[in-house]
Amino acid sequence: MQKSQLTITGEYITLGQFLKLAEIISSGGMARAYLAEYSVFVNGEEENRRGRKIYPKDQVEVPGVGLYFIRAEEETCD
């Protein structure tokens, strides 16, 4: 299984946004249909709500696609 890190810029993203950012779906409108047809696991628990909040340090597993570790974007000090 492919393991990847995905960096987010805000406090969280939704599961639908994650699927688009990870290039699993091509548009946010496809999230509901994708989650109805395929299993997605957030921190080991099956999740089908496209609005589910994904935070840094969460893990998202998409069987047949990969395991993603979510991290926050490093802030730079000027």
Protein backbone atom coordinates (compact mmCIF):
# COMPACT_ATOMS: atom_id res chain seq x y z
CA MET A 1 0.00 0.00 0.00
CA GLN A 2 1.29 3.42 -0.93
CA LYS A 3 1.96 5.72 2.04
CA SER A 4 1.91 9.48 1.51
CA GLN A 5 1.92 12.70 3.49
CA LEU A 6 -0.61 15.37 2.67
CA THR A 7 -0.03 18.90 3.93
CA ILE A 8 -2.97 21.17 4.74
CA THR A 9 -2.79 24.93 5.25
CA GLY A 10 -5.74 25.54 7.57
CA GLU A 11 -6.85 24.07 10.87
CA TYR A 12 -8.67 21.24 9.06
CA ILE A 13 -10.13 20.16 5.72
CA THR A 14 -13.25 18.13 5.03
CA LEU A 15 -13.11 14.57 3.76
CA GLY A 16 -14.52 15.77 0.43
CA GLN A 17 -11.72 18.35 0.15
CA PHE A 18 -9.18 15.68 1.07
CA LEU A 19 -10.37 13.38 -1.73
CA LYS A 20 -9.96 16.19 -4.25
CA LEU A 21 -6.59 17.36 -2.87
CA ALA A 22 -5.27 13.78 -2.95
CA GLU A 23 -6.48 13.57 -6.58
CA ILE A 24 -8.73 10.60 -5.84
CA ILE A 25 -11.69 12.47 -7.36
CA SER A 26 -11.56 15.26 -9.93
CA SER A 27 -14.17 17.58 -8.41
CA GLY A 28 -15.69 18.17 -5.00
CA GLY A 29 -19.12 17.29 -6.36
CA MET A 30 -17.99 13.68 -6.83
CA ALA A 31 -17.31 13.17 -3.09
CA ARG A 32 -20.78 11.98 -2.11
CA ALA A 33 -20.95 9.40 -4.91
CA TYR A 34 -17.40 8.19 -4.23
CA LEU A 35 -18.09 7.72 -0.50
CA ALA A 36 -21.34 5.87 -1.27
CA GLU A 37 -19.48 3.40 -3.47
CA TYR A 38 -16.06 3.02 -1.81
CA SER A 39 -14.83 2.60 1.75
CA VAL A 40 -12.65 5.29 3.31
CA PHE A 41 -11.19 5.04 6.80
CA VAL A 42 -10.24 7.96 9.03
CA ASN A 43 -8.05 6.94 11.96
CA GLY A 44 -9.08 3.32 11.43
CA GLU A 45 -12.85 3.94 11.42
CA GLU A 46 -14.97 3.75 8.28
CA GLU A 47 -16.27 7.17 7.30
CA ASN A 48 -18.85 8.13 4.68
CA ARG A 49 -19.57 11.78 5.56
CA ARG A 50 -17.96 14.14 3.05
CA GLY A 51 -18.09 16.91 5.67
CA ARG A 52 -16.01 14.92 8.19
CA LYS A 53 -13.22 17.19 9.45
CA ILE A 54 -9.68 15.95 8.87
CA TYR A 55 -7.03 17.45 11.15
CA PRO A 56 -3.22 17.34 11.15
CA LYS A 57 -1.98 14.01 12.58
CA ASP A 58 -5.07 12.17 11.27
CA GLN A 59 -4.62 9.15 9.01
CA VAL A 60 -6.86 8.54 6.01
CA GLU A 61 -6.83 5.14 4.34
CA VAL A 62 -8.37 4.67 0.92
CA PRO A 63 -8.19 0.93 0.14
CA GLY A 64 -6.60 0.28 -3.22
CA VAL A 65 -5.22 3.84 -3.34
CA GLY A 66 -3.08 4.46 -0.27
CA LEU A 67 -2.61 5.54 3.32
CA TYR A 68 -2.27 9.27 3.90
CA PHE A 69 -0.77 11.00 6.92
CA ILE A 70 -2.12 14.52 7.33
CA ARG A 71 0.25 17.23 8.48
CA ALA A 72 0.02 20.97 9.01
CA GLU A 73 1.92 23.38 6.84
CA GLU A 74 4.96 24.72 8.69
CA GLU A 75 4.59 28.40 9.47
CA THR A 76 7.59 30.56 8.71
CA CYS A 77 8.72 33.44 10.93
CA ASP A 78 9.87 36.62 9.21
